PDB file of N, CA and C in Angstrom:
ATOM      1  N   MET A   1       2.957   1.539  13.267  1.00  0.00           N
ATOM      2  CA  MET A   1       2.084   1.390  12.461  1.00  0.00           C
ATOM      3  C   MET A   1       0.532   0.934  12.696  1.00  0.00           C
ATOM      4  N   ILE A   2      -0.685   1.395  12.255  1.00  0.00           N
ATOM      5  CA  ILE A   2      -1.971   0.810  12.248  1.00  0.00           C
ATOM      6  C   ILE A   2      -2.031  -0.445  13.071  1.00  0.00           C
ATOM      7  N   ILE A   3      -1.478  -1.483  12.408  1.00  0.00           N
ATOM      8  CA  ILE A   3      -1.261  -2.959  12.596  1.00  0.00           C
ATOM      9  C   ILE A   3      -1.011  -3.150  13.702  1.00  0.00           C
ATOM     10  N   GLU A   4       0.126  -2.355  13.699  1.00  0.00           N
ATOM     11  CA  GLU A   4       0.886  -2.755  14.826  1.00  0.00           C
ATOM     12  C   GLU A   4       0.850  -2.516  16.197  1.00  0.00           C
ATOM     13  N   VAL A   5      -0.514  -1.593  16.706  1.00  0.00           N
ATOM     14  CA  VAL A   5      -1.112  -1.074  17.446  1.00  0.00           C
ATOM     15  C   VAL A   5      -2.875  -2.360  17.552  1.00  0.00           C
ATOM     16  N   MET A   6      -3.181  -2.588  16.066  1.00  0.00           N
ATOM     17  CA  MET A   6      -4.263  -3.503  15.951  1.00  0.00           C
ATOM     18  C   MET A   6      -4.026  -5.137  17.249  1.00  0.00           C
ATOM     19  N   ARG A   7      -2.377  -5.351  16.335  1.00  0.00           N
ATOM     20  CA  ARG A   7      -1.711  -7.104  16.718  1.00  0.00           C
ATOM     21  C   ARG A   7      -1.558  -6.894  18.438  1.00  0.00           C
ATOM     22  N   ASP A   8      -1.281  -5.242  18.791  1.00  0.00           N
ATOM     23  CA  ASP A   8      -1.452  -4.961  20.599  1.00  0.00           C
ATOM     24  C   ASP A   8      -2.526  -5.740  21.212  1.00  0.00           C
ATOM     25  N   TYR A   9      -3.427  -5.113  20.116  1.00  0.00           N
ATOM     26  CA  TYR A   9      -5.030  -5.119  20.665  1.00  0.00           C
ATOM     27  C   TYR A   9      -5.299  -6.660  21.048  1.00  0.00           C
ATOM     28  N   LEU A  10      -5.437  -6.872  19.852  1.00  0.00           N
ATOM     29  CA  LEU A  10      -5.690  -8.631  19.651  1.00  0.00           C
ATOM     30  C   LEU A  10      -4.797  -9.728  20.703  1.00  0.00           C
ATOM     31  N   GLU A  11      -3.528  -9.412  20.602  1.00  0.00           N
ATOM     32  CA  GLU A  11      -3.013 -10.581  21.262  1.00  0.00           C
ATOM     33  C   GLU A  11      -3.560 -10.334  22.776  1.00  0.00           C
ATOM     34  N   GLU A  12      -3.818  -9.158  23.255  1.00  0.00           N
ATOM     35  CA  GLU A  12      -4.295  -8.556  24.892  1.00  0.00           C
ATOM     36  C   GLU A  12      -5.912  -9.224  25.330  1.00  0.00           C
ATOM     37  N   ARG A  13      -6.083  -9.813  24.039  1.00  0.00           N
ATOM     38  CA  ARG A  13      -7.660  -9.898  24.417  1.00  0.00           C
ATOM     39  C   ARG A  13      -8.010 -11.055  23.870  1.00  0.00           C
ATOM     40  N   GLY A  14      -6.428 -12.257  23.468  1.00  0.00           N
ATOM     41  CA  GLY A  14      -6.948 -13.575  23.145  1.00  0.00           C
ATOM     42  C   GLY A  14      -8.024 -13.722  21.719  1.00  0.00           C
ATOM     43  N   VAL A  15      -7.471 -12.865  20.359  1.00  0.00           N
ATOM     44  CA  VAL A  15      -8.204 -12.843  19.823  1.00  0.00           C
ATOM     45  C   VAL A  15      -7.175 -13.242  18.388  1.00  0.00           C
ATOM     46  N   GLY A  16      -8.145 -14.519  17.849  1.00  0.00           N
ATOM     47  CA  GLY A  16      -6.553 -14.890  16.658  1.00  0.00           C
ATOM     48  C   GLY A  16      -7.056 -14.601  15.255  1.00  0.00           C
ATOM     49  N   SER A  17      -6.633 -14.470  13.938  1.00  0.00           N
ATOM     50  CA  SER A  17      -7.025 -14.281  12.888  1.00  0.00           C
ATOM     51  C   SER A  17      -7.451 -15.476  12.174  1.00  0.00           C
ATOM     52  N   GLU A  18      -8.030 -16.709  13.533  1.00  0.00           N
ATOM     53  CA  GLU A  18      -9.218 -17.538  12.615  1.00  0.00           C
ATOM     54  C   GLU A  18      -9.985 -17.386  12.518  1.00  0.00           C
ATOM     55  N   GLU A  19     -10.290 -16.530  14.255  1.00  0.00           N
ATOM     56  CA  GLU A  19     -11.604 -15.864  14.983  1.00  0.00           C
ATOM     57  C   GLU A  19     -11.715 -14.493  13.974  1.00  0.00           C
ATOM     58  N   ILE A  20     -10.837 -13.790  13.293  1.00  0.00           N
ATOM     59  CA  ILE A  20     -11.352 -12.966  12.934  1.00  0.00           C
ATOM     60  C   ILE A  20     -11.922 -13.489  10.846  1.00  0.00           C
ATOM     61  N   ALA A  21     -11.215 -14.035  10.708  1.00  0.00           N
ATOM     62  CA  ALA A  21     -10.909 -14.293   9.250  1.00  0.00           C
ATOM     63  C   ALA A  21     -12.897 -15.380   9.422  1.00  0.00           C
ATOM     64  N   HIS A  22     -13.152 -16.592  10.065  1.00  0.00           N
ATOM     65  CA  HIS A  22     -14.429 -16.275  10.185  1.00  0.00           C
ATOM     66  C   HIS A  22     -15.232 -15.074   9.527  1.00  0.00           C
ATOM     67  N   ALA A  23     -15.552 -14.242  10.762  1.00  0.00           N
ATOM     68  CA  ALA A  23     -16.099 -13.336  11.678  1.00  0.00           C
ATOM     69  C   ALA A  23     -16.499 -13.069  10.546  1.00  0.00           C
ATOM     70  N   THR A  24     -14.800 -12.137   9.751  1.00  0.00           N
ATOM     71  CA  THR A  24     -15.313 -11.331   8.863  1.00  0.00           C
ATOM     72  C   THR A  24     -15.680 -11.834   7.910  1.00  0.00           C
ATOM     73  N   GLY A  25     -14.887 -13.273   7.309  1.00  0.00           N
ATOM     74  CA  GLY A  25     -14.567 -13.254   5.410  1.00  0.00           C
ATOM     75  C   GLY A  25     -13.419 -13.260   5.155  1.00  0.00           C
ATOM     76  N   ILE A  26     -12.120 -12.389   6.105  1.00  0.00           N
ATOM     77  CA  ILE A  26     -11.278 -11.749   4.603  1.00  0.00           C
ATOM     78  C   ILE A  26     -10.127 -13.196   5.348  1.00  0.00           C
ATOM     79  N   ASP A  27      -9.340 -13.619   4.323  1.00  0.00           N
ATOM     80  CA  ASP A  27      -8.884 -14.699   4.205  1.00  0.00           C
ATOM     81  C   ASP A  27      -7.653 -15.116   5.362  1.00  0.00           C
ATOM     82  N   GLN A  28      -7.677 -16.083   6.361  1.00  0.00           N
ATOM     83  CA  GLN A  28      -6.718 -15.905   6.998  1.00  0.00           C
ATOM     84  C   GLN A  28      -5.539 -15.799   7.242  1.00  0.00           C
ATOM     85  N   ARG A  29      -5.176 -16.384   5.837  1.00  0.00           N
ATOM     86  CA  ARG A  29      -3.639 -15.803   5.313  1.00  0.00           C
ATOM     87  C   ARG A  29      -3.043 -14.281   5.696  1.00  0.00           C
ATOM     88  N   GLU A  30      -4.441 -13.670   4.829  1.00  0.00           N
ATOM     89  CA  GLU A  30      -4.177 -12.537   4.151  1.00  0.00           C
ATOM     90  C   GLU A  30      -3.973 -11.943   5.898  1.00  0.00           C
ATOM     91  N   ILE A  31      -4.768 -12.399   6.581  1.00  0.00           N
ATOM     92  CA  ILE A  31      -4.541 -11.135   8.332  1.00  0.00           C
ATOM     93  C   ILE A  31      -3.353 -12.073   9.189  1.00  0.00           C
ATOM     94  N   GLU A  32      -2.985 -12.698   8.962  1.00  0.00           N
ATOM     95  CA  GLU A  32      -1.808 -13.299   9.495  1.00  0.00           C
ATOM     96  C   GLU A  32      -0.664 -12.673   8.778  1.00  0.00           C
ATOM     97  N   GLY A  33      -0.934 -12.594   7.733  1.00  0.00           N
ATOM     98  CA  GLY A  33       0.463 -11.820   6.225  1.00  0.00           C
ATOM     99  C   GLY A  33       0.237 -10.659   7.258  1.00  0.00           C
ATOM    100  N   ALA A  34      -0.794  -9.774   6.857  1.00  0.00           N
ATOM    101  CA  ALA A  34      -0.478  -8.309   8.450  1.00  0.00           C
ATOM    102  C   ALA A  34      -0.082  -8.426   9.275  1.00  0.00           C
ATOM    103  N   LEU A  35      -0.476  -9.708  10.305  1.00  0.00           N
ATOM    104  CA  LEU A  35      -0.179  -9.418  11.772  1.00  0.00           C
ATOM    105  C   LEU A  35       1.423  -8.938  11.959  1.00  0.00           C
ATOM    106  N   GLN A  36       1.727  -9.556  11.231  1.00  0.00           N
ATOM    107  CA  GLN A  36       3.461 -10.356  10.505  1.00  0.00           C
ATOM    108  C   GLN A  36       4.015  -9.869  10.243  1.00  0.00           C
ATOM    109  N   GLY A  37       3.267  -8.494   9.848  1.00  0.00           N
ATOM    110  CA  GLY A  37       3.925  -7.428   8.860  1.00  0.00           C
ATOM    111  C   GLY A  37       3.996  -7.583   7.758  1.00  0.00           C
ATOM    112  N   GLU A  38       4.305  -8.441   6.706  1.00  0.00           N
ATOM    113  CA  GLU A  38       4.422  -9.708   5.654  1.00  0.00           C
ATOM    114  C   GLU A  38       3.860  -8.601   4.297  1.00  0.00           C
ATOM    115  N   SER A  39       2.405  -8.292   4.787  1.00  0.00           N
ATOM    116  CA  SER A  39       1.871  -7.779   3.792  1.00  0.00           C
ATOM    117  C   SER A  39       0.515  -6.792   4.502  1.00  0.00           C
ATOM    118  N   SER A  40      -0.166  -6.101   3.963  1.00  0.00           N
ATOM    119  CA  SER A  40      -0.823  -5.224   4.562  1.00  0.00           C
ATOM    120  C   SER A  40      -2.369  -5.237   3.508  1.00  0.00           C
ATOM    121  N   LEU A  41      -2.931  -4.736   4.940  1.00  0.00           N
ATOM    122  CA  LEU A  41      -5.244  -5.059   4.661  1.00  0.00           C
ATOM    123  C   LEU A  41      -5.179  -3.515   3.907  1.00  0.00           C
ATOM    124  N   ASP A  42      -6.266  -3.779   3.222  1.00  0.00           N
ATOM    125  CA  ASP A  42      -7.396  -2.201   3.277  1.00  0.00           C
ATOM    126  C   ASP A  42      -7.850  -1.923   3.938  1.00  0.00           C
ATOM    127  N   PHE A  43      -8.755  -0.293   3.856  1.00  0.00           N
ATOM    128  CA  PHE A  43      -9.293   0.277   4.944  1.00  0.00           C
ATOM    129  C   PHE A  43     -10.434  -0.718   4.749  1.00  0.00           C
ATOM    130  N   ALA A  44     -11.156  -1.282   3.536  1.00  0.00           N
ATOM    131  CA  ALA A  44     -12.371  -2.406   4.191  1.00  0.00           C
ATOM    132  C   ALA A  44     -11.992  -3.029   4.908  1.00  0.00           C
ATOM    133  N   GLN A  45     -11.005  -3.589   4.949  1.00  0.00           N
ATOM    134  CA  GLN A  45     -10.552  -4.695   5.411  1.00  0.00           C
ATOM    135  C   GLN A  45     -10.637  -4.746   7.084  1.00  0.00           C
ATOM    136  N   TYR A  46      -9.686  -3.379   7.525  1.00  0.00           N
ATOM    137  CA  TYR A  46      -9.635  -3.023   8.500  1.00  0.00           C
ATOM    138  C   TYR A  46     -11.392  -2.470   9.259  1.00  0.00           C
ATOM    139  N   ALA A  47     -11.902  -1.909   8.128  1.00  0.00           N
ATOM    140  CA  ALA A  47     -13.257  -1.758   8.455  1.00  0.00           C
ATOM    141  C   ALA A  47     -13.991  -2.698   9.299  1.00  0.00           C
ATOM    142  N   LEU A  48     -14.007  -4.112   8.294  1.00  0.00           N
ATOM    143  CA  LEU A  48     -14.839  -5.360   9.033  1.00  0.00           C
ATOM    144  C   LEU A  48     -14.036  -5.439  10.256  1.00  0.00           C
ATOM    145  N   ILE A  49     -12.924  -5.566  10.200  1.00  0.00           N
ATOM    146  CA  ILE A  49     -12.112  -6.170  11.583  1.00  0.00           C
ATOM    147  C   ILE A  49     -12.632  -5.160  12.611  1.00  0.00           C
ATOM    148  N   CYS A  50     -12.537  -3.691  12.546  1.00  0.00           N
ATOM    149  CA  CYS A  50     -13.094  -3.395  13.877  1.00  0.00           C
ATOM    150  C   CYS A  50     -14.783  -3.187  14.016  1.00  0.00           C
ATOM    151  N   ARG A  51     -15.600  -3.569  13.123  1.00  0.00           N
ATOM    152  CA  ARG A  51     -16.629  -4.160  13.452  1.00  0.00           C
ATOM    153  C   ARG A  51     -17.001  -5.255  13.836  1.00  0.00           C
ATOM    154  N   PHE A  52     -15.918  -6.300  13.785  1.00  0.00           N
ATOM    155  CA  PHE A  52     -16.126  -7.744  14.932  1.00  0.00           C
ATOM    156  C   PHE A  52     -16.033  -6.891  16.173  1.00  0.00           C
ATOM    157  N   LEU A  53     -14.468  -6.804  15.811  1.00  0.00           N
ATOM    158  CA  LEU A  53     -14.288  -6.238  17.525  1.00  0.00           C
ATOM    159  C   LEU A  53     -15.095  -5.169  18.063  1.00  0.00           C
ATOM    160  N   GLY A  54     -15.852  -4.070  17.749  1.00  0.00           N
ATOM    161  CA  GLY A  54     -16.834  -2.978  18.441  1.00  0.00           C
ATOM    162  C   GLY A  54     -16.023  -2.005  18.769  1.00  0.00           C
ATOM    163  N   VAL A  55     -14.911  -2.282  17.899  1.00  0.00           N
ATOM    164  CA  VAL A  55     -14.005  -0.557  18.386  1.00  0.00           C
ATOM    165  C   VAL A  55     -14.045  -0.127  17.009  1.00  0.00           C
ATOM    166  N   PRO A  56     -13.701   1.587  17.458  1.00  0.00           N
ATOM    167  CA  PRO A  56     -13.789   2.372  16.062  1.00  0.00           C
ATOM    168  C   PRO A  56     -12.952   2.490  15.451  1.00  0.00           C
ATOM    169  N   ILE A  57     -12.515   2.567  14.148  1.00  0.00           N
ATOM    170  CA  ILE A  57     -11.110   1.977  14.059  1.00  0.00           C
ATOM    171  C   ILE A  57     -10.223   3.785  13.929  1.00  0.00           C
ATOM    172  N   GLU A  58     -10.852   4.227  14.687  1.00  0.00           N
ATOM    173  CA  GLU A  58     -10.452   6.066  14.827  1.00  0.00           C
ATOM    174  C   GLU A  58      -9.321   5.281  16.479  1.00  0.00           C
ATOM    175  N   THR A  59      -9.553   4.733  17.134  1.00  0.00           N
ATOM    176  CA  THR A  59      -9.689   4.318  18.268  1.00  0.00           C
ATOM    177  C   THR A  59      -7.717   3.569  17.909  1.00  0.00           C
ATOM    178  N   PHE A  60      -8.026   2.779  16.659  1.00  0.00           N
ATOM    179  CA  PHE A  60      -6.602   2.232  16.537  1.00  0.00           C
ATOM    180  C   PHE A  60      -5.482   3.330  15.902  1.00  0.00           C
ATOM    181  N   ILE A  61      -6.073   4.296  15.465  1.00  0.00           N
ATOM    182  CA  ILE A  61      -5.376   5.515  14.559  1.00  0.00           C
ATOM    183  C   ILE A  61      -5.127   6.386  15.513  1.00  0.00           C
ATOM    184  N   GLU A  62      -5.394   7.048  16.658  1.00  0.00           N
ATOM    185  CA  GLU A  62      -5.058   7.883  17.138  1.00  0.00           C
ATOM    186  C   GLU A  62      -4.375   7.396  18.243  1.00  0.00           C
ATOM    187  N   ALA A  63      -4.273   5.739  18.488  1.00  0.00           N
ATOM    188  CA  ALA A  63      -2.842   5.239  19.493  1.00  0.00           C
ATOM    189  C   ALA A  63      -1.754   5.249  18.606  1.00  0.00           C
ATOM    190  N   ASP A  64      -2.006   4.966  17.424  1.00  0.00           N
ATOM    191  CA  ASP A  64      -0.268   4.990  16.226  1.00  0.00           C
ATOM    192  C   ASP A  64      -0.274   6.184  15.763  1.00  0.00           C
ATOM    193  N   GLU A  65      -1.074   7.098  16.088  1.00  0.00           N
ATOM    194  CA  GLU A  65      -0.609   8.526  16.218  1.00  0.00           C
ATOM    195  C   GLU A  65      -0.075   8.848  17.898  1.00  0.00           C
ATOM    196  N   ALA A  66      -0.111   8.923  18.798  1.00  0.00           N
ATOM    197  CA  ALA A  66       0.323   8.482  19.989  1.00  0.00           C
ATOM    198  C   ALA A  66       1.636   8.090  20.263  1.00  0.00           C
ATOM    199  N   ARG A  67       1.946   6.555  19.485  1.00  0.00           N
ATOM    200  CA  ARG A  67       3.294   5.832  19.708  1.00  0.00           C
ATOM    201  C   ARG A  67       3.810   6.455  19.028  1.00  0.00           C
ATOM    202  N   ARG A  68       3.806   7.233  17.124  1.00  0.00           N
ATOM    203  CA  ARG A  68       5.081   7.783  17.221  1.00  0.00           C
ATOM    204  C   ARG A  68       5.272   9.071  17.397  1.00  0.00           C
ATOM    205  N   LYS A  69       4.514   9.800  18.961  1.00  0.00           N
ATOM    206  CA  LYS A  69       5.044  11.077  19.015  1.00  0.00           C
ATOM    207  C   LYS A  69       5.849  10.733  19.684  1.00  0.00           C
ATOM    208  N   LYS A  70       5.861   9.681  20.741  1.00  0.00           N
ATOM    209  CA  LYS A  70       6.794   9.226  21.911  1.00  0.00           C
ATOM    210  C   LYS A  70       7.838   9.109  21.027  1.00  0.00           C
TER     211      LYS A  70
END
């Protein structure tokens, strides 16, 4: 799942849900729920997070596809 790829990316860089929430306006509980697999984000929320990170969303989509092929 894309959220798993994003979670790994965030952990590797030490970026937390509070920082993402502050920068994007997405509720921190929504972010935490998605990162823990308890809920999901919509495409617009993914786009906001990617914009904050400075990473194209395709990066996460392609990484997810590569994981699924393994």
